Amino acid sequence: MNRKLPTDAFDFYFSLGPGRSYQLVAEKYGVHRRTVTALAGREGWQARIVELERRARERTDTKVVETIEAMQQRHLKSLQAVLGRVLEVLCAMPLSSAMEAVRAIEMVIRQERLVRGEPTDRAALEVEELIRREYDRWLEKDAGGSDGAPAK
């Protein structure tokens, strides 16, 4: 078969990006747009583009996940190194002057929890504990009578 379009016509078409058109391909190779349209239909250019873009997105997503995982591992290693150093310093200090080391440990723990995707504070648990204590207190008050009189 004698082709008017070279075999790299699809490559050129794809390289045009979002602004691609059969007309631009026709102009580049000096053929009529119908020639490009016919070849594109026979070779399934649109389906090929969809598949290539899907595969490119998958590769990009995989690289993003790998990059995030590598970053998290670096952060965890750094935090572990800081924690090791802080614990050494804490052991060498008298207990009365160790508060700076304790704050550093708290920071390392908070950051490690953050990197691992866990909550960085326990506010929710503190609220739950406060509600439980208030509930118990009200039950005790009601059981013993809130006005000092025996419960009914």
N, C-alpha and C. Protein backbone atom coordinates (compact mmCIF):
# COMPACT_ATOMS: atom_id res chain seq x y z
N MET A 1 0.84 -1.18 0.00
CA MET A 1 0.00 0.00 0.00
C MET A 1 0.89 1.24 0.00
N ASN A 2 0.63 2.13 -0.87
CA ASN A 2 1.40 3.36 -0.98
C ASN A 2 0.75 4.42 -0.08
N ARG A 3 1.43 4.77 0.99
CA ARG A 3 0.87 5.71 1.96
C ARG A 3 1.37 7.12 1.66
N LYS A 4 0.48 8.05 1.80
CA LYS A 4 0.89 9.43 1.65
C LYS A 4 1.40 9.99 2.96
N LEU A 5 0.97 9.40 4.04
CA LEU A 5 1.41 9.85 5.37
C LEU A 5 2.51 8.92 5.87
N PRO A 6 3.57 9.45 6.43
CA PRO A 6 4.62 8.59 6.98
C PRO A 6 4.13 7.88 8.24
N THR A 7 4.87 6.87 8.65
CA THR A 7 4.46 6.08 9.82
C THR A 7 4.55 6.87 11.12
N ASP A 8 5.28 7.97 11.12
CA ASP A 8 5.39 8.76 12.36
C ASP A 8 4.32 9.84 12.47
N ALA A 9 3.29 9.79 11.61
CA ALA A 9 2.23 10.80 11.64
C ALA A 9 1.51 10.79 12.99
N PHE A 10 1.25 9.59 13.52
CA PHE A 10 0.59 9.53 14.83
C PHE A 10 1.47 10.16 15.90
N ASP A 11 2.76 9.87 15.86
CA ASP A 11 3.68 10.44 16.85
C ASP A 11 3.63 11.98 16.82
N PHE A 12 3.61 12.53 15.62
CA PHE A 12 3.51 13.98 15.48
C PHE A 12 2.18 14.47 16.05
N TYR A 13 1.10 13.78 15.69
CA TYR A 13 -0.23 14.15 16.17
C TYR A 13 -0.27 14.13 17.70
N PHE A 14 0.25 13.08 18.29
CA PHE A 14 0.26 12.97 19.75
C PHE A 14 1.10 14.07 20.38
N SER A 15 2.22 14.39 19.77
CA SER A 15 3.14 15.39 20.34
C SER A 15 2.54 16.79 20.35
N LEU A 16 1.48 17.01 19.59
CA LEU A 16 0.84 18.34 19.56
C LEU A 16 0.12 18.67 20.86
N GLY A 17 -0.11 17.66 21.69
CA GLY A 17 -0.75 17.90 22.98
C GLY A 17 -2.22 18.23 22.85
N PRO A 18 -2.77 18.93 23.86
CA PRO A 18 -4.21 19.21 23.88
C PRO A 18 -4.70 20.00 22.65
N GLY A 19 -3.83 20.75 21.99
CA GLY A 19 -4.23 21.53 20.83
C GLY A 19 -4.11 20.77 19.53
N ARG A 20 -4.01 19.44 19.60
CA ARG A 20 -3.79 18.64 18.39
C ARG A 20 -5.02 18.67 17.49
N SER A 21 -4.73 18.55 16.21
CA SER A 21 -5.83 18.47 15.23
C SER A 21 -5.33 17.75 13.99
N TYR A 22 -6.27 17.14 13.28
CA TYR A 22 -5.93 16.47 12.03
C TYR A 22 -5.46 17.49 10.99
N GLN A 23 -6.01 18.68 11.08
CA GLN A 23 -5.63 19.73 10.13
C GLN A 23 -4.15 20.06 10.25
N LEU A 24 -3.64 20.14 11.50
CA LEU A 24 -2.21 20.44 11.69
C LEU A 24 -1.33 19.33 11.12
N VAL A 25 -1.79 18.08 11.27
CA VAL A 25 -1.03 16.95 10.71
C VAL A 25 -1.05 17.05 9.19
N ALA A 26 -2.21 17.36 8.63
CA ALA A 26 -2.33 17.48 7.17
C ALA A 26 -1.41 18.57 6.65
N GLU A 27 -1.36 19.69 7.33
CA GLU A 27 -0.49 20.79 6.91
C GLU A 27 0.98 20.40 6.98
N LYS A 28 1.36 19.69 8.06
CA LYS A 28 2.76 19.29 8.22
C LYS A 28 3.22 18.38 7.08
N TYR A 29 2.36 17.43 6.70
CA TYR A 29 2.77 16.44 5.71
C TYR A 29 2.27 16.76 4.29
N GLY A 30 1.58 17.89 4.14
CA GLY A 30 1.13 18.31 2.82
C GLY A 30 0.09 17.41 2.20
N VAL A 31 -0.83 16.92 3.02
CA VAL A 31 -1.91 16.08 2.52
C VAL A 31 -3.24 16.71 2.90
N HIS A 32 -4.30 16.16 2.39
CA HIS A 32 -5.63 16.65 2.72
C HIS A 32 -6.04 16.12 4.09
N ARG A 33 -6.87 16.89 4.79
CA ARG A 33 -7.32 16.49 6.13
C ARG A 33 -8.08 15.17 6.08
N ARG A 34 -8.78 14.88 5.01
CA ARG A 34 -9.52 13.61 4.89
C ARG A 34 -8.56 12.42 4.91
N THR A 35 -7.37 12.60 4.36
CA THR A 35 -6.36 11.53 4.36
C THR A 35 -5.96 11.22 5.80
N VAL A 36 -5.74 12.27 6.57
CA VAL A 36 -5.36 12.10 7.98
C VAL A 36 -6.51 11.47 8.75
N THR A 37 -7.72 11.95 8.52
CA THR A 37 -8.91 11.42 9.22
C THR A 37 -9.09 9.94 8.92
N ALA A 38 -8.92 9.57 7.68
CA ALA A 38 -9.08 8.16 7.31
C ALA A 38 -8.04 7.28 8.00
N LEU A 39 -6.79 7.72 7.97
CA LEU A 39 -5.73 6.94 8.63
C LEU A 39 -5.96 6.86 10.13
N ALA A 40 -6.36 7.98 10.71
CA ALA A 40 -6.62 8.00 12.15
C ALA A 40 -7.73 7.03 12.52
N GLY A 41 -8.74 6.95 11.71
CA GLY A 41 -9.83 6.01 11.97
C GLY A 41 -9.38 4.57 11.85
N ARG A 42 -8.60 4.27 10.82
CA ARG A 42 -8.11 2.88 10.64
C ARG A 42 -7.19 2.45 11.76
N GLU A 43 -6.33 3.37 12.21
CA GLU A 43 -5.34 3.03 13.24
C GLU A 43 -5.83 3.32 14.66
N GLY A 44 -7.01 3.86 14.80
CA GLY A 44 -7.57 4.10 16.14
C GLY A 44 -6.79 5.12 16.95
N TRP A 45 -6.47 6.24 16.35
CA TRP A 45 -5.65 7.25 17.03
C TRP A 45 -6.27 7.73 18.34
N GLN A 46 -7.57 7.95 18.34
CA GLN A 46 -8.21 8.49 19.54
C GLN A 46 -8.12 7.48 20.71
N ALA A 47 -8.37 6.22 20.40
CA ALA A 47 -8.27 5.19 21.45
C ALA A 47 -6.83 5.06 21.94
N ARG A 48 -5.88 5.18 21.04
CA ARG A 48 -4.46 5.11 21.42
C ARG A 48 -4.10 6.27 22.36
N ILE A 49 -4.61 7.46 22.05
CA ILE A 49 -4.32 8.62 22.90
C ILE A 49 -4.91 8.42 24.29
N VAL A 50 -6.14 7.95 24.35
CA VAL A 50 -6.78 7.70 25.65
C VAL A 50 -5.94 6.71 26.45
N GLU A 51 -5.50 5.63 25.81
CA GLU A 51 -4.69 4.62 26.50
C GLU A 51 -3.34 5.18 26.96
N LEU A 52 -2.68 5.94 26.08
CA LEU A 52 -1.39 6.53 26.45
C LEU A 52 -1.53 7.50 27.62
N GLU A 53 -2.57 8.30 27.61
CA GLU A 53 -2.78 9.24 28.71
C GLU A 53 -3.11 8.52 30.01
N ARG A 54 -3.88 7.44 29.91
CA ARG A 54 -4.21 6.64 31.11
C ARG A 54 -2.94 6.05 31.72
N ARG A 55 -2.09 5.48 30.86
CA ARG A 55 -0.84 4.89 31.35
C ARG A 55 0.08 5.95 31.93
N ALA A 56 0.11 7.12 31.33
CA ALA A 56 0.94 8.22 31.85
C ALA A 56 0.44 8.65 33.22
N ARG A 57 -0.88 8.72 33.40
CA ARG A 57 -1.44 9.08 34.71
C ARG A 57 -1.08 8.04 35.76
N GLU A 58 -1.18 6.75 35.39
CA GLU A 58 -0.83 5.68 36.33
C GLU A 58 0.62 5.80 36.77
N ARG A 59 1.52 6.03 35.81
CA ARG A 59 2.94 6.17 36.15
C ARG A 59 3.16 7.38 37.05
N THR A 60 2.49 8.48 36.74
CA THR A 60 2.63 9.67 37.57
C THR A 60 2.13 9.40 38.98
N ASP A 61 0.97 8.76 39.10
CA ASP A 61 0.42 8.44 40.42
C ASP A 61 1.37 7.55 41.20
N THR A 62 1.95 6.56 40.54
CA THR A 62 2.89 5.66 41.20
C THR A 62 4.10 6.42 41.70
N LYS A 63 4.63 7.32 40.87
CA LYS A 63 5.79 8.10 41.28
C LYS A 63 5.46 9.02 42.44
N VAL A 64 4.27 9.59 42.46
CA VAL A 64 3.86 10.46 43.57
C VAL A 64 3.81 9.66 44.86
N VAL A 65 3.21 8.49 44.81
CA VAL A 65 3.11 7.63 46.00
C VAL A 65 4.51 7.25 46.49
N GLU A 66 5.39 6.86 45.56
CA GLU A 66 6.76 6.49 45.95
C GLU A 66 7.50 7.67 46.55
N THR A 67 7.30 8.85 46.01
CA THR A 67 7.95 10.05 46.53
C THR A 67 7.47 10.35 47.94
N ILE A 68 6.17 10.25 48.16
CA ILE A 68 5.62 10.51 49.49
C ILE A 68 6.14 9.49 50.49
N GLU A 69 6.17 8.22 50.09
CA GLU A 69 6.68 7.18 50.99
C GLU A 69 8.14 7.41 51.33
N ALA A 70 8.95 7.79 50.34
CA ALA A 70 10.37 8.06 50.58
C ALA A 70 10.53 9.25 51.53
N MET A 71 9.73 10.29 51.33
CA MET A 71 9.78 11.46 52.20
C MET A 71 9.42 11.07 53.63
N GLN A 72 8.38 10.28 53.80
CA GLN A 72 7.98 9.86 55.14
C GLN A 72 9.08 9.04 55.80
N GLN A 73 9.72 8.17 55.05
CA GLN A 73 10.81 7.37 55.62
C GLN A 73 11.97 8.26 56.06
N ARG A 74 12.32 9.26 55.24
CA ARG A 74 13.38 10.20 55.62
C ARG A 74 13.01 10.95 56.89
N HIS A 75 11.77 11.41 56.96
CA HIS A 75 11.32 12.14 58.14
C HIS A 75 11.37 11.26 59.38
N LEU A 76 10.93 10.02 59.24
CA LEU A 76 10.95 9.11 60.39
C LEU A 76 12.38 8.83 60.84
N LYS A 77 13.30 8.63 59.90
CA LYS A 77 14.70 8.40 60.27
C LYS A 77 15.27 9.62 60.99
N SER A 78 14.96 10.80 60.48
CA SER A 78 15.44 12.03 61.11
C SER A 78 14.88 12.16 62.52
N LEU A 79 13.59 11.89 62.67
CA LEU A 79 12.97 11.99 63.99
C LEU A 79 13.56 10.97 64.95
N GLN A 80 13.84 9.78 64.46
CA GLN A 80 14.44 8.76 65.33
C GLN A 80 15.85 9.17 65.76
N ALA A 81 16.59 9.80 64.86
CA ALA A 81 17.93 10.29 65.21
C ALA A 81 17.83 11.38 66.26
N VAL A 82 16.90 12.30 66.08
CA VAL A 82 16.71 13.37 67.07
C VAL A 82 16.30 12.78 68.41
N LEU A 83 15.38 11.83 68.39
CA LEU A 83 14.94 11.21 69.63
C LEU A 83 16.09 10.52 70.34
N GLY A 84 16.91 9.81 69.60
CA GLY A 84 18.07 9.15 70.22
C GLY A 84 18.99 10.15 70.88
N ARG A 85 19.26 11.25 70.22
CA ARG A 85 20.14 12.29 70.78
C ARG A 85 19.51 12.94 72.01
N VAL A 86 18.21 13.22 71.93
CA VAL A 86 17.51 13.84 73.06
C VAL A 86 17.53 12.91 74.27
N LEU A 87 17.33 11.62 74.04
CA LEU A 87 17.35 10.68 75.17
C LEU A 87 18.74 10.61 75.80
N GLU A 88 19.79 10.69 74.98
CA GLU A 88 21.15 10.72 75.53
C GLU A 88 21.33 11.95 76.41
N VAL A 89 20.89 13.09 75.93
CA VAL A 89 21.02 14.34 76.69
C VAL A 89 20.18 14.26 77.96
N LEU A 90 18.99 13.72 77.85
CA LEU A 90 18.11 13.61 79.01
C LEU A 90 18.72 12.75 80.10
N CYS A 91 19.37 11.67 79.73
CA CYS A 91 20.01 10.79 80.72
C CYS A 91 21.18 11.49 81.41
N ALA A 92 21.84 12.39 80.72
CA ALA A 92 23.01 13.06 81.29
C ALA A 92 22.62 14.26 82.15
N MET A 93 21.40 14.72 82.07
CA MET A 93 20.98 15.92 82.79
C MET A 93 20.39 15.56 84.15
N PRO A 94 20.52 16.50 85.07
CA PRO A 94 19.79 16.32 86.32
C PRO A 94 18.29 16.50 86.03
N LEU A 95 17.46 15.82 86.79
CA LEU A 95 16.04 15.83 86.54
C LEU A 95 15.44 17.23 86.58
N SER A 96 15.97 18.10 87.39
CA SER A 96 15.40 19.44 87.53
C SER A 96 15.61 20.31 86.29
N SER A 97 16.62 20.02 85.48
CA SER A 97 16.87 20.88 84.31
C SER A 97 16.60 20.15 82.98
N ALA A 98 15.79 19.12 83.00
CA ALA A 98 15.57 18.30 81.81
C ALA A 98 14.32 18.69 81.02
N MET A 99 13.68 19.78 81.37
CA MET A 99 12.43 20.15 80.70
C MET A 99 12.61 20.43 79.20
N GLU A 100 13.73 21.00 78.81
CA GLU A 100 13.96 21.26 77.39
C GLU A 100 14.03 19.96 76.61
N ALA A 101 14.66 18.96 77.17
CA ALA A 101 14.73 17.66 76.53
C ALA A 101 13.35 17.01 76.46
N VAL A 102 12.57 17.18 77.51
CA VAL A 102 11.22 16.63 77.52
C VAL A 102 10.38 17.29 76.43
N ARG A 103 10.50 18.61 76.26
CA ARG A 103 9.78 19.30 75.19
C ARG A 103 10.23 18.78 73.82
N ALA A 104 11.51 18.51 73.67
CA ALA A 104 12.01 17.97 72.40
C ALA A 104 11.42 16.59 72.15
N ILE A 105 11.33 15.76 73.17
CA ILE A 105 10.73 14.43 73.02
C ILE A 105 9.26 14.56 72.62
N GLU A 106 8.54 15.48 73.26
CA GLU A 106 7.14 15.69 72.89
C GLU A 106 7.02 16.11 71.43
N MET A 107 7.93 16.97 70.97
CA MET A 107 7.91 17.42 69.58
C MET A 107 8.18 16.25 68.64
N VAL A 108 9.15 15.42 68.97
CA VAL A 108 9.47 14.26 68.13
C VAL A 108 8.28 13.31 68.07
N ILE A 109 7.67 13.05 69.19
CA ILE A 109 6.52 12.14 69.23
C ILE A 109 5.38 12.71 68.39
N ARG A 110 5.09 14.00 68.52
CA ARG A 110 4.02 14.64 67.76
C ARG A 110 4.30 14.55 66.26
N GLN A 111 5.55 14.83 65.87
CA GLN A 111 5.91 14.80 64.46
C GLN A 111 5.87 13.37 63.90
N GLU A 112 6.32 12.41 64.70
CA GLU A 112 6.28 11.03 64.23
C GLU A 112 4.85 10.57 64.02
N ARG A 113 3.97 10.93 64.94
CA ARG A 113 2.56 10.58 64.78
C ARG A 113 1.97 11.22 63.53
N LEU A 114 2.36 12.46 63.28
CA LEU A 114 1.88 13.18 62.10
C LEU A 114 2.34 12.48 60.82
N VAL A 115 3.62 12.10 60.76
CA VAL A 115 4.15 11.42 59.57
C VAL A 115 3.45 10.08 59.37
N ARG A 116 3.13 9.40 60.45
CA ARG A 116 2.47 8.10 60.34
C ARG A 116 0.96 8.21 60.11
N GLY A 117 0.45 9.44 60.08
CA GLY A 117 -0.97 9.65 59.80
C GLY A 117 -1.87 9.47 61.00
N GLU A 118 -1.31 9.52 62.20
CA GLU A 118 -2.10 9.38 63.41
C GLU A 118 -2.37 10.76 63.99
N PRO A 119 -3.37 10.88 64.88
CA PRO A 119 -3.64 12.19 65.48
C PRO A 119 -2.43 12.68 66.28
N THR A 120 -2.21 13.98 66.24
CA THR A 120 -1.04 14.54 66.93
C THR A 120 -1.36 15.01 68.33
N ASP A 121 -2.61 14.99 68.70
CA ASP A 121 -2.95 15.35 70.08
C ASP A 121 -4.06 14.43 70.56
N ARG A 122 -4.30 14.51 71.80
CA ARG A 122 -5.31 13.64 72.39
C ARG A 122 -6.50 14.44 72.89
N ALA A 123 -6.82 15.54 72.21
CA ALA A 123 -7.92 16.39 72.63
C ALA A 123 -9.23 15.61 72.68
N ALA A 124 -9.46 14.77 71.69
CA ALA A 124 -10.70 14.00 71.66
C ALA A 124 -10.79 13.07 72.86
N LEU A 125 -9.68 12.44 73.21
CA LEU A 125 -9.69 11.56 74.39
C LEU A 125 -9.87 12.37 75.67
N GLU A 126 -9.28 13.55 75.72
CA GLU A 126 -9.42 14.39 76.91
C GLU A 126 -10.87 14.83 77.08
N VAL A 127 -11.54 15.20 76.01
CA VAL A 127 -12.95 15.59 76.08
C VAL A 127 -13.79 14.41 76.53
N GLU A 128 -13.51 13.24 75.98
CA GLU A 128 -14.26 12.05 76.37
C GLU A 128 -14.07 11.76 77.86
N GLU A 129 -12.84 11.88 78.34
CA GLU A 129 -12.56 11.64 79.76
C GLU A 129 -13.28 12.67 80.63
N LEU A 130 -13.29 13.93 80.21
CA LEU A 130 -13.97 14.99 80.95
C LEU A 130 -15.47 14.70 81.03
N ILE A 131 -16.07 14.30 79.93
CA ILE A 131 -17.50 13.97 79.93
C ILE A 131 -17.78 12.80 80.86
N ARG A 132 -16.92 11.79 80.81
CA ARG A 132 -17.10 10.62 81.68
C ARG A 132 -17.03 11.02 83.15
N ARG A 133 -16.05 11.87 83.51
CA ARG A 133 -15.92 12.31 84.91
C ARG A 133 -17.14 13.12 85.35
N GLU A 134 -17.62 14.02 84.48
CA GLU A 134 -18.80 14.82 84.82
C GLU A 134 -20.02 13.92 84.98
N TYR A 135 -20.16 12.95 84.10
CA TYR A 135 -21.27 12.02 84.17
C TYR A 135 -21.22 11.26 85.50
N ASP A 136 -20.03 10.73 85.86
CA ASP A 136 -19.87 10.02 87.13
C ASP A 136 -20.19 10.92 88.31
N ARG A 137 -19.73 12.17 88.22
CA ARG A 137 -19.96 13.11 89.32
C ARG A 137 -21.46 13.37 89.50
N TRP A 138 -22.17 13.53 88.39
CA TRP A 138 -23.60 13.77 88.48
C TRP A 138 -24.33 12.53 89.00
N LEU A 139 -23.87 11.35 88.62
CA LEU A 139 -24.50 10.14 89.14
C LEU A 139 -24.28 10.01 90.63
N GLU A 140 -23.05 10.32 91.10
CA GLU A 140 -22.77 10.26 92.54
C GLU A 140 -23.63 11.25 93.30
N LYS A 141 -23.76 12.48 92.76
CA LYS A 141 -24.55 13.51 93.40
C LYS A 141 -26.00 13.07 93.50
N ASP A 142 -26.52 12.48 92.41
CA ASP A 142 -27.91 12.05 92.40
C ASP A 142 -28.11 10.88 93.33
N ALA A 143 -27.16 9.99 93.41
CA ALA A 143 -27.27 8.83 94.28
C ALA A 143 -27.23 9.23 95.74
N GLY A 144 -26.45 10.24 96.08
CA GLY A 144 -26.34 10.66 97.46
C GLY A 144 -27.29 11.80 97.78
N GLY A 145 -28.04 12.27 96.81
CA GLY A 145 -28.95 13.38 97.02
C GLY A 145 -28.20 14.68 96.84
N SER A 146 -28.64 15.52 95.94
CA SER A 146 -27.93 16.74 95.65
C SER A 146 -28.14 17.79 96.71
N ASP A 147 -29.21 17.67 97.53
CA ASP A 147 -29.44 18.68 98.56
C ASP A 147 -29.08 18.15 99.95
N GLY A 148 -28.41 17.05 100.01
CA GLY A 148 -28.00 16.47 101.29
C GLY A 148 -29.01 15.50 101.83
N ALA A 149 -30.22 15.47 101.24
CA ALA A 149 -31.25 14.55 101.71
C ALA A 149 -30.98 13.19 101.10
N PRO A 150 -31.39 12.12 101.72
CA PRO A 150 -31.19 10.79 101.16
C PRO A 150 -31.89 10.64 99.82
N ALA A 151 -31.34 9.84 98.96
CA ALA A 151 -31.92 9.61 97.64
C ALA A 151 -33.22 8.85 97.78
N LYS A 152 -34.16 9.12 96.90
CA LYS A 152 -35.49 8.47 96.94
C LYS A 152 -35.49 7.16 96.27
